[in-house]
Amino acid sequence: YLPLPGNMISIVWSTPEAHARELLALPPAEFCARVAAAGGHRLGHLEAVTPPAGFPLRLMRPPRAVAHRLALSGDAAHAIHPLSGHGINLGFKDAEALADMLNTCPAHADCGDETWLRGYARRRREEVVALQSVTDGLQKLFAHASPPVALLRNFGLNLTNRLPVLRDALVRYAMG
């Protein structure tokens, strides 16, 4: 859940495509009831203020983020699972890194040259790949229905919640 102003929240529900199609076909009140039930009714009565939307989750990273006079950034450069809410943050960091790189370009240099732009791509690659890997791994972990996997997953989550040092480190990492 992502808290929003005005006592509202934004919810991302990752579910298999067939289940998503079923949910999207429901009348708004029934959809809200299903969302509330899936969340254990912890949020109380839910009411949709916008129609629900669905899209397939795909891990996307182009083979190259730069070319001559071209630098991809934000969603054009990478797609990330929305469970983390970090897509926009990665886009902002891309813009900042590209601006920093362009600001350090010597006056006589061709800042649009692919060789120069590769520095931007290298600077962003590590964080993007790490966050994509973590969010994709978490999505796969939570989508797995196998009882042994669920047991290990729940054990790991409970352990993380009981170890403030580990939990705080994960929160700091997630917040960038």
N, C-alpha and C. Protein backbone atom coordinates (compact mmCIF):
# COMPACT_ATOMS: atom_id res chain seq x y z
N TYR A 1 0.83 -1.18 0.00
CA TYR A 1 0.00 0.00 0.00
C TYR A 1 0.88 1.24 0.00
N LEU A 2 0.52 2.21 -0.80
CA LEU A 2 1.23 3.49 -0.83
C LEU A 2 0.26 4.55 -0.30
N PRO A 3 0.56 5.12 0.88
CA PRO A 3 -0.34 6.13 1.42
C PRO A 3 -0.36 7.39 0.56
N LEU A 4 -1.54 7.96 0.40
CA LEU A 4 -1.73 9.18 -0.37
C LEU A 4 -2.46 10.20 0.51
N PRO A 5 -2.44 11.46 0.13
CA PRO A 5 -3.18 12.47 0.91
C PRO A 5 -4.68 12.18 0.90
N GLY A 6 -5.37 12.72 1.89
CA GLY A 6 -6.83 12.61 1.92
C GLY A 6 -7.33 11.25 2.33
N ASN A 7 -6.61 10.55 3.20
CA ASN A 7 -7.04 9.24 3.69
C ASN A 7 -7.22 8.24 2.55
N MET A 8 -6.36 8.33 1.54
CA MET A 8 -6.42 7.41 0.40
C MET A 8 -5.13 6.61 0.33
N ILE A 9 -5.18 5.52 -0.41
CA ILE A 9 -4.00 4.69 -0.65
C ILE A 9 -4.00 4.24 -2.11
N SER A 10 -2.84 3.92 -2.58
CA SER A 10 -2.69 3.28 -3.89
C SER A 10 -2.23 1.85 -3.61
N ILE A 11 -2.84 0.92 -4.31
CA ILE A 11 -2.53 -0.49 -4.07
C ILE A 11 -2.01 -1.12 -5.35
N VAL A 12 -0.94 -1.87 -5.22
CA VAL A 12 -0.43 -2.70 -6.31
C VAL A 12 -0.63 -4.15 -5.88
N TRP A 13 -1.36 -4.89 -6.68
CA TRP A 13 -1.62 -6.30 -6.37
C TRP A 13 -1.00 -7.12 -7.49
N SER A 14 0.04 -7.83 -7.18
CA SER A 14 0.69 -8.70 -8.16
C SER A 14 0.02 -10.07 -8.10
N THR A 15 -0.49 -10.50 -9.23
CA THR A 15 -1.22 -11.76 -9.28
C THR A 15 -1.07 -12.35 -10.68
N PRO A 16 -1.27 -13.65 -10.84
CA PRO A 16 -1.19 -14.23 -12.18
C PRO A 16 -2.18 -13.55 -13.14
N GLU A 17 -1.82 -13.54 -14.42
CA GLU A 17 -2.61 -12.81 -15.41
C GLU A 17 -4.07 -13.25 -15.47
N ALA A 18 -4.34 -14.54 -15.35
CA ALA A 18 -5.73 -15.02 -15.41
C ALA A 18 -6.54 -14.46 -14.24
N HIS A 19 -5.94 -14.44 -13.07
CA HIS A 19 -6.61 -13.89 -11.89
C HIS A 19 -6.82 -12.39 -12.05
N ALA A 20 -5.84 -11.71 -12.61
CA ALA A 20 -5.96 -10.26 -12.84
C ALA A 20 -7.13 -9.97 -13.78
N ARG A 21 -7.26 -10.75 -14.85
CA ARG A 21 -8.38 -10.55 -15.78
C ARG A 21 -9.72 -10.75 -15.06
N GLU A 22 -9.78 -11.77 -14.21
CA GLU A 22 -11.00 -12.04 -13.45
C GLU A 22 -11.33 -10.85 -12.53
N LEU A 23 -10.33 -10.33 -11.83
CA LEU A 23 -10.54 -9.19 -10.93
C LEU A 23 -10.99 -7.95 -11.69
N LEU A 24 -10.36 -7.68 -12.82
CA LEU A 24 -10.68 -6.48 -13.58
C LEU A 24 -12.09 -6.52 -14.18
N ALA A 25 -12.65 -7.72 -14.32
CA ALA A 25 -14.00 -7.86 -14.88
C ALA A 25 -15.09 -7.66 -13.82
N LEU A 26 -14.70 -7.57 -12.55
CA LEU A 26 -15.69 -7.44 -11.47
C LEU A 26 -16.27 -6.04 -11.40
N PRO A 27 -17.51 -5.92 -10.91
CA PRO A 27 -18.06 -4.58 -10.62
C PRO A 27 -17.21 -3.93 -9.52
N PRO A 28 -17.16 -2.60 -9.47
CA PRO A 28 -16.28 -1.91 -8.51
C PRO A 28 -16.45 -2.35 -7.06
N ALA A 29 -17.68 -2.51 -6.59
CA ALA A 29 -17.90 -2.89 -5.19
C ALA A 29 -17.34 -4.28 -4.90
N GLU A 30 -17.54 -5.22 -5.83
CA GLU A 30 -17.02 -6.58 -5.64
C GLU A 30 -15.50 -6.58 -5.72
N PHE A 31 -14.94 -5.80 -6.62
CA PHE A 31 -13.48 -5.68 -6.72
C PHE A 31 -12.92 -5.20 -5.38
N CYS A 32 -13.51 -4.14 -4.82
CA CYS A 32 -13.03 -3.60 -3.54
C CYS A 32 -13.16 -4.63 -2.42
N ALA A 33 -14.24 -5.40 -2.43
CA ALA A 33 -14.42 -6.44 -1.42
C ALA A 33 -13.33 -7.50 -1.53
N ARG A 34 -12.97 -7.86 -2.76
CA ARG A 34 -11.90 -8.85 -2.95
C ARG A 34 -10.55 -8.31 -2.49
N VAL A 35 -10.28 -7.04 -2.79
CA VAL A 35 -9.02 -6.43 -2.36
C VAL A 35 -8.97 -6.39 -0.84
N ALA A 36 -10.07 -5.99 -0.21
CA ALA A 36 -10.12 -5.93 1.25
C ALA A 36 -9.89 -7.32 1.86
N ALA A 37 -10.53 -8.33 1.28
CA ALA A 37 -10.37 -9.69 1.79
C ALA A 37 -8.93 -10.18 1.63
N ALA A 38 -8.32 -9.88 0.49
CA ALA A 38 -6.93 -10.30 0.25
C ALA A 38 -5.98 -9.65 1.25
N GLY A 39 -6.33 -8.47 1.72
CA GLY A 39 -5.51 -7.77 2.72
C GLY A 39 -5.92 -8.07 4.14
N GLY A 40 -6.75 -9.09 4.33
CA GLY A 40 -7.17 -9.46 5.68
C GLY A 40 -8.06 -8.42 6.34
N HIS A 41 -8.70 -7.58 5.54
CA HIS A 41 -9.61 -6.53 6.03
C HIS A 41 -8.93 -5.56 7.00
N ARG A 42 -7.60 -5.48 6.94
CA ARG A 42 -6.85 -4.57 7.82
C ARG A 42 -7.14 -3.11 7.52
N LEU A 43 -7.57 -2.81 6.31
CA LEU A 43 -7.80 -1.42 5.93
C LEU A 43 -9.26 -1.00 6.07
N GLY A 44 -10.10 -1.93 6.49
CA GLY A 44 -11.52 -1.60 6.62
C GLY A 44 -12.19 -1.55 5.26
N HIS A 45 -13.24 -0.76 5.17
CA HIS A 45 -14.01 -0.64 3.93
C HIS A 45 -13.19 0.11 2.88
N LEU A 46 -13.12 -0.44 1.69
CA LEU A 46 -12.40 0.20 0.59
C LEU A 46 -13.39 0.67 -0.46
N GLU A 47 -13.07 1.79 -1.06
CA GLU A 47 -13.89 2.33 -2.14
C GLU A 47 -12.95 2.81 -3.24
N ALA A 48 -13.19 2.37 -4.46
CA ALA A 48 -12.33 2.77 -5.59
C ALA A 48 -12.65 4.20 -6.01
N VAL A 49 -11.62 5.02 -6.15
CA VAL A 49 -11.83 6.38 -6.66
C VAL A 49 -11.44 6.47 -8.14
N THR A 50 -10.74 5.47 -8.62
CA THR A 50 -10.43 5.35 -10.05
C THR A 50 -10.64 3.89 -10.43
N PRO A 51 -10.91 3.62 -11.69
CA PRO A 51 -11.07 2.22 -12.10
C PRO A 51 -9.74 1.48 -11.96
N PRO A 52 -9.79 0.21 -11.57
CA PRO A 52 -8.55 -0.56 -11.49
C PRO A 52 -7.95 -0.76 -12.88
N ALA A 53 -6.65 -0.91 -12.92
CA ALA A 53 -5.95 -1.14 -14.19
C ALA A 53 -5.04 -2.34 -14.02
N GLY A 54 -4.73 -2.99 -15.10
CA GLY A 54 -3.84 -4.13 -15.05
C GLY A 54 -2.86 -4.10 -16.20
N PHE A 55 -1.69 -4.60 -15.95
CA PHE A 55 -0.69 -4.73 -17.01
C PHE A 55 0.24 -5.87 -16.65
N PRO A 56 0.75 -6.57 -17.65
CA PRO A 56 1.65 -7.69 -17.36
C PRO A 56 2.99 -7.19 -16.82
N LEU A 57 3.54 -7.96 -15.91
CA LEU A 57 4.84 -7.61 -15.34
C LEU A 57 5.93 -8.21 -16.20
N ARG A 58 6.82 -7.37 -16.64
CA ARG A 58 7.93 -7.83 -17.47
C ARG A 58 9.20 -7.14 -16.97
N LEU A 59 10.23 -7.91 -16.81
CA LEU A 59 11.53 -7.34 -16.49
C LEU A 59 12.11 -6.84 -17.81
N MET A 60 12.43 -5.55 -17.88
CA MET A 60 12.90 -4.98 -19.14
C MET A 60 14.17 -4.18 -18.90
N ARG A 61 15.17 -4.52 -19.69
CA ARG A 61 16.41 -3.76 -19.69
C ARG A 61 16.96 -3.87 -21.11
N PRO A 62 17.08 -2.75 -21.81
CA PRO A 62 17.59 -2.84 -23.18
C PRO A 62 19.06 -3.28 -23.18
N PRO A 63 19.50 -3.88 -24.27
CA PRO A 63 20.90 -4.33 -24.32
C PRO A 63 21.88 -3.17 -24.16
N ARG A 64 21.48 -1.98 -24.63
CA ARG A 64 22.33 -0.79 -24.48
C ARG A 64 21.46 0.38 -24.08
N ALA A 65 21.93 1.18 -23.12
CA ALA A 65 21.16 2.34 -22.67
C ALA A 65 21.59 3.61 -23.39
N VAL A 66 22.70 3.54 -24.13
CA VAL A 66 23.18 4.72 -24.85
C VAL A 66 23.63 4.33 -26.25
N ALA A 67 23.59 5.32 -27.13
CA ALA A 67 24.12 5.22 -28.49
C ALA A 67 24.56 6.64 -28.86
N HIS A 68 25.03 6.81 -30.07
CA HIS A 68 25.48 8.14 -30.49
C HIS A 68 24.32 9.13 -30.39
N ARG A 69 24.47 10.14 -29.56
CA ARG A 69 23.49 11.20 -29.33
C ARG A 69 22.17 10.70 -28.74
N LEU A 70 22.21 9.58 -28.02
CA LEU A 70 21.01 9.01 -27.41
C LEU A 70 21.36 8.43 -26.05
N ALA A 71 20.60 8.82 -25.05
CA ALA A 71 20.73 8.25 -23.70
C ALA A 71 19.33 7.94 -23.19
N LEU A 72 19.06 6.68 -22.94
CA LEU A 72 17.77 6.29 -22.39
C LEU A 72 17.77 6.54 -20.89
N SER A 73 16.62 6.96 -20.37
CA SER A 73 16.49 7.14 -18.93
C SER A 73 15.07 6.81 -18.51
N GLY A 74 14.87 6.64 -17.22
CA GLY A 74 13.54 6.34 -16.70
C GLY A 74 12.98 5.06 -17.28
N ASP A 75 11.68 5.06 -17.52
CA ASP A 75 11.01 3.85 -18.02
C ASP A 75 11.49 3.42 -19.39
N ALA A 76 12.09 4.32 -20.16
CA ALA A 76 12.64 3.93 -21.46
C ALA A 76 13.90 3.10 -21.29
N ALA A 77 14.57 3.26 -20.15
CA ALA A 77 15.83 2.56 -19.92
C ALA A 77 15.66 1.29 -19.09
N HIS A 78 14.58 1.19 -18.37
CA HIS A 78 14.39 0.02 -17.50
C HIS A 78 12.95 -0.01 -16.99
N ALA A 79 12.45 -1.21 -16.82
CA ALA A 79 11.15 -1.40 -16.17
C ALA A 79 11.42 -2.14 -14.87
N ILE A 80 10.69 -1.75 -13.85
CA ILE A 80 10.88 -2.37 -12.54
C ILE A 80 9.51 -2.74 -11.99
N HIS A 81 9.46 -3.82 -11.25
CA HIS A 81 8.22 -4.28 -10.66
C HIS A 81 7.66 -3.18 -9.75
N PRO A 82 6.38 -2.87 -9.88
CA PRO A 82 5.83 -1.75 -9.10
C PRO A 82 5.71 -2.02 -7.61
N LEU A 83 6.02 -3.24 -7.16
CA LEU A 83 5.86 -3.52 -5.74
C LEU A 83 6.74 -2.63 -4.88
N SER A 84 7.81 -2.15 -5.42
CA SER A 84 8.72 -1.34 -4.61
C SER A 84 8.40 0.15 -4.67
N GLY A 85 7.67 0.58 -5.67
CA GLY A 85 7.39 2.00 -5.82
C GLY A 85 8.61 2.82 -6.18
N HIS A 86 9.64 2.17 -6.70
CA HIS A 86 10.90 2.87 -6.97
C HIS A 86 11.11 3.25 -8.43
N GLY A 87 10.18 2.95 -9.31
CA GLY A 87 10.37 3.29 -10.72
C GLY A 87 10.63 4.77 -10.93
N ILE A 88 9.84 5.60 -10.28
CA ILE A 88 10.01 7.05 -10.44
C ILE A 88 11.33 7.50 -9.83
N ASN A 89 11.72 6.88 -8.70
CA ASN A 89 13.00 7.25 -8.08
C ASN A 89 14.17 6.93 -8.99
N LEU A 90 14.11 5.76 -9.65
CA LEU A 90 15.18 5.42 -10.59
C LEU A 90 15.23 6.42 -11.73
N GLY A 91 14.06 6.84 -12.21
CA GLY A 91 14.02 7.83 -13.28
C GLY A 91 14.63 9.16 -12.86
N PHE A 92 14.33 9.60 -11.64
CA PHE A 92 14.92 10.84 -11.13
C PHE A 92 16.44 10.71 -11.01
N LYS A 93 16.89 9.55 -10.52
CA LYS A 93 18.34 9.34 -10.38
C LYS A 93 19.01 9.27 -11.75
N ASP A 94 18.32 8.70 -12.74
CA ASP A 94 18.85 8.70 -14.11
C ASP A 94 19.03 10.13 -14.60
N ALA A 95 17.99 10.95 -14.41
CA ALA A 95 18.06 12.34 -14.87
C ALA A 95 19.18 13.09 -14.17
N GLU A 96 19.32 12.87 -12.88
CA GLU A 96 20.38 13.54 -12.12
C GLU A 96 21.76 13.10 -12.61
N ALA A 97 21.94 11.79 -12.82
CA ALA A 97 23.23 11.28 -13.28
C ALA A 97 23.57 11.81 -14.68
N LEU A 98 22.57 11.86 -15.56
CA LEU A 98 22.81 12.37 -16.91
C LEU A 98 23.14 13.86 -16.87
N ALA A 99 22.41 14.62 -16.06
CA ALA A 99 22.69 16.06 -15.93
C ALA A 99 24.09 16.29 -15.36
N ASP A 100 24.45 15.52 -14.34
CA ASP A 100 25.80 15.65 -13.75
C ASP A 100 26.87 15.37 -14.79
N MET A 101 26.65 14.30 -15.56
CA MET A 101 27.63 13.93 -16.58
C MET A 101 27.75 15.02 -17.64
N LEU A 102 26.62 15.55 -18.08
CA LEU A 102 26.65 16.59 -19.11
C LEU A 102 27.27 17.88 -18.57
N ASN A 103 27.06 18.17 -17.29
CA ASN A 103 27.65 19.37 -16.69
C ASN A 103 29.16 19.27 -16.55
N THR A 104 29.70 18.06 -16.53
CA THR A 104 31.15 17.91 -16.42
C THR A 104 31.82 17.76 -17.79
N CYS A 105 31.02 17.80 -18.84
CA CYS A 105 31.56 17.65 -20.20
C CYS A 105 32.37 18.90 -20.55
N PRO A 106 33.62 18.71 -20.93
CA PRO A 106 34.43 19.87 -21.32
C PRO A 106 33.82 20.60 -22.52
N ALA A 107 34.04 21.89 -22.59
CA ALA A 107 33.45 22.73 -23.64
C ALA A 107 33.83 22.24 -25.04
N HIS A 108 35.01 21.70 -25.20
CA HIS A 108 35.47 21.27 -26.53
C HIS A 108 35.03 19.84 -26.88
N ALA A 109 34.43 19.12 -25.92
CA ALA A 109 34.07 17.71 -26.15
C ALA A 109 32.68 17.59 -26.78
N ASP A 110 32.45 16.48 -27.44
CA ASP A 110 31.14 16.15 -27.98
C ASP A 110 30.41 15.30 -26.94
N CYS A 111 29.57 15.93 -26.15
CA CYS A 111 28.88 15.24 -25.05
C CYS A 111 27.86 14.22 -25.54
N GLY A 112 27.50 14.27 -26.80
CA GLY A 112 26.57 13.30 -27.36
C GLY A 112 27.27 12.09 -27.94
N ASP A 113 28.58 12.08 -27.89
CA ASP A 113 29.33 10.94 -28.40
C ASP A 113 29.06 9.71 -27.52
N GLU A 114 28.88 8.57 -28.14
CA GLU A 114 28.56 7.36 -27.39
C GLU A 114 29.62 7.04 -26.35
N THR A 115 30.87 7.26 -26.68
CA THR A 115 31.95 6.98 -25.72
C THR A 115 31.74 7.79 -24.45
N TRP A 116 31.37 9.06 -24.59
CA TRP A 116 31.14 9.92 -23.44
C TRP A 116 29.89 9.47 -22.67
N LEU A 117 28.84 9.11 -23.39
CA LEU A 117 27.58 8.71 -22.75
C LEU A 117 27.68 7.37 -22.02
N ARG A 118 28.65 6.55 -22.38
CA ARG A 118 28.81 5.26 -21.70
C ARG A 118 29.08 5.44 -20.21
N GLY A 119 29.69 6.54 -19.83
CA GLY A 119 29.92 6.81 -18.41
C GLY A 119 28.61 6.90 -17.64
N TYR A 120 27.63 7.56 -18.24
CA TYR A 120 26.30 7.64 -17.63
C TYR A 120 25.70 6.24 -17.49
N ALA A 121 25.79 5.44 -18.55
CA ALA A 121 25.22 4.09 -18.53
C ALA A 121 25.89 3.24 -17.45
N ARG A 122 27.21 3.32 -17.35
CA ARG A 122 27.93 2.55 -16.33
C ARG A 122 27.52 2.99 -14.92
N ARG A 123 27.40 4.29 -14.75
CA ARG A 123 27.05 4.85 -13.43
C ARG A 123 25.68 4.35 -12.96
N ARG A 124 24.74 4.19 -13.86
CA ARG A 124 23.38 3.81 -13.48
C ARG A 124 23.14 2.30 -13.46
N ARG A 125 23.93 1.55 -14.21
CA ARG A 125 23.66 0.12 -14.38
C ARG A 125 23.61 -0.66 -13.06
N GLU A 126 24.56 -0.45 -12.18
CA GLU A 126 24.64 -1.26 -10.96
C GLU A 126 23.37 -1.12 -10.10
N GLU A 127 22.95 0.12 -9.87
CA GLU A 127 21.76 0.32 -9.03
C GLU A 127 20.51 -0.24 -9.71
N VAL A 128 20.38 0.00 -11.00
CA VAL A 128 19.19 -0.48 -11.73
C VAL A 128 19.13 -2.00 -11.70
N VAL A 129 20.23 -2.66 -12.03
CA VAL A 129 20.25 -4.13 -12.06
C VAL A 129 19.97 -4.69 -10.66
N ALA A 130 20.56 -4.08 -9.64
CA ALA A 130 20.35 -4.57 -8.27
C ALA A 130 18.88 -4.45 -7.88
N LEU A 131 18.27 -3.31 -8.13
CA LEU A 131 16.87 -3.13 -7.74
C LEU A 131 15.94 -4.00 -8.58
N GLN A 132 16.24 -4.14 -9.86
CA GLN A 132 15.43 -5.03 -10.70
C GLN A 132 15.52 -6.47 -10.19
N SER A 133 16.71 -6.89 -9.84
CA SER A 133 16.90 -8.26 -9.36
C SER A 133 16.16 -8.51 -8.05
N VAL A 134 16.24 -7.56 -7.13
CA VAL A 134 15.55 -7.70 -5.84
C VAL A 134 14.04 -7.73 -6.05
N THR A 135 13.50 -6.79 -6.80
CA THR A 135 12.04 -6.73 -6.96
C THR A 135 11.52 -7.92 -7.76
N ASP A 136 12.26 -8.35 -8.78
CA ASP A 136 11.84 -9.51 -9.55
C ASP A 136 11.90 -10.77 -8.68
N GLY A 137 12.95 -10.88 -7.89
CA GLY A 137 13.07 -12.03 -6.99
C GLY A 137 11.96 -12.07 -5.95
N LEU A 138 11.63 -10.91 -5.38
CA LEU A 138 10.54 -10.86 -4.40
C LEU A 138 9.20 -11.22 -5.05
N GLN A 139 8.98 -10.70 -6.25
CA GLN A 139 7.72 -11.02 -6.94
C GLN A 139 7.62 -12.53 -7.17
N LYS A 140 8.70 -13.14 -7.62
CA LYS A 140 8.68 -14.59 -7.86
C LYS A 140 8.52 -15.36 -6.56
N LEU A 141 9.18 -14.89 -5.50
CA LEU A 141 9.08 -15.54 -4.20
C LEU A 141 7.65 -15.52 -3.68
N PHE A 142 6.97 -14.38 -3.80
CA PHE A 142 5.61 -14.27 -3.29
C PHE A 142 4.60 -14.92 -4.22
N ALA A 143 4.93 -15.12 -5.47
CA ALA A 143 4.02 -15.78 -6.41
C ALA A 143 4.09 -17.30 -6.28
N HIS A 144 5.14 -17.80 -5.67
CA HIS A 144 5.35 -19.25 -5.55
C HIS A 144 4.38 -19.83 -4.54
N ALA A 145 3.61 -20.85 -4.94
CA ALA A 145 2.58 -21.42 -4.07
C ALA A 145 3.06 -22.65 -3.31
N SER A 146 4.25 -23.12 -3.57
CA SER A 146 4.76 -24.33 -2.92
C SER A 146 4.82 -24.15 -1.40
N PRO A 147 4.24 -25.07 -0.62
CA PRO A 147 4.29 -24.94 0.85
C PRO A 147 5.70 -24.80 1.42
N PRO A 148 6.70 -25.58 0.95
CA PRO A 148 8.05 -25.37 1.52
C PRO A 148 8.60 -23.97 1.23
N VAL A 149 8.33 -23.45 0.03
CA VAL A 149 8.80 -22.10 -0.31
C VAL A 149 8.07 -21.08 0.56
N ALA A 150 6.77 -21.25 0.72
CA ALA A 150 6.00 -20.32 1.56
C ALA A 150 6.49 -20.36 3.01
N LEU A 151 6.82 -21.54 3.50
CA LEU A 151 7.33 -21.67 4.86
C LEU A 151 8.66 -20.93 5.02
N LEU A 152 9.57 -21.14 4.09
CA LEU A 152 10.86 -20.44 4.14
C LEU A 152 10.69 -18.94 3.99
N ARG A 153 9.82 -18.53 3.08
CA ARG A 153 9.57 -17.10 2.87
C ARG A 153 9.03 -16.46 4.14
N ASN A 154 8.04 -17.09 4.76
CA ASN A 154 7.45 -16.54 5.98
C ASN A 154 8.45 -16.53 7.13
N PHE A 155 9.28 -17.57 7.21
CA PHE A 155 10.33 -17.60 8.23
C PHE A 155 11.28 -16.41 8.03
N GLY A 156 11.68 -16.18 6.80
CA GLY A 156 12.58 -15.06 6.50
C GLY A 156 11.96 -13.71 6.83
N LEU A 157 10.68 -13.54 6.51
CA LEU A 157 10.00 -12.29 6.83
C LEU A 157 9.88 -12.08 8.33
N ASN A 158 9.52 -13.14 9.05
CA ASN A 158 9.42 -13.03 10.50
C ASN A 158 10.77 -12.73 11.13
N LEU A 159 11.81 -13.38 10.63
CA LEU A 159 13.16 -13.13 11.14
C LEU A 159 13.56 -11.67 10.89
N THR A 160 13.27 -11.18 9.71
CA THR A 160 13.58 -9.79 9.37
C THR A 160 12.84 -8.83 10.30
N ASN A 161 11.58 -9.12 10.58
CA ASN A 161 10.80 -8.26 11.48
C ASN A 161 11.31 -8.29 12.91
N ARG A 162 11.93 -9.40 13.30
CA ARG A 162 12.42 -9.53 14.68
C ARG A 162 13.85 -9.02 14.87
N LEU A 163 14.55 -8.77 13.79
CA LEU A 163 15.93 -8.28 13.88
C LEU A 163 15.98 -6.84 13.40
N PRO A 164 15.89 -5.88 14.32
CA PRO A 164 15.85 -4.47 13.92
C PRO A 164 17.04 -4.04 13.06
N VAL A 165 18.21 -4.60 13.31
CA VAL A 165 19.39 -4.21 12.52
C VAL A 165 19.19 -4.59 11.06
N LEU A 166 18.72 -5.82 10.81
CA LEU A 166 18.47 -6.28 9.44
C LEU A 166 17.32 -5.51 8.82
N ARG A 167 16.23 -5.36 9.57
CA ARG A 167 15.06 -4.65 9.06
C ARG A 167 15.42 -3.20 8.69
N ASP A 168 16.14 -2.52 9.58
CA ASP A 168 16.50 -1.13 9.32
C ASP A 168 17.44 -1.01 8.12
N ALA A 169 18.35 -1.97 7.97
CA ALA A 169 19.25 -1.96 6.81
C ALA A 169 18.46 -2.12 5.52
N LEU A 170 17.48 -3.01 5.52
CA LEU A 170 16.64 -3.21 4.33
C LEU A 170 15.81 -1.96 4.03
N VAL A 171 15.29 -1.32 5.05
CA VAL A 171 14.51 -0.10 4.85
C VAL A 171 15.39 1.00 4.28
N ARG A 172 16.61 1.15 4.83
CA ARG A 172 17.53 2.18 4.30
C ARG A 172 17.86 1.90 2.84
N TYR A 173 18.09 0.62 2.50
CA TYR A 173 18.39 0.27 1.11
C TYR A 173 17.20 0.59 0.22
N ALA A 174 16.00 0.23 0.68
CA ALA A 174 14.80 0.45 -0.12
C ALA A 174 14.52 1.93 -0.34
N MET A 175 14.90 2.76 0.61
CA MET A 175 14.64 4.20 0.49
C MET A 175 15.70 4.91 -0.32
N GLY A 176 16.72 4.17 -0.74
CA GLY A 176 17.75 4.76 -1.59
C GLY A 176 18.79 5.44 -0.77
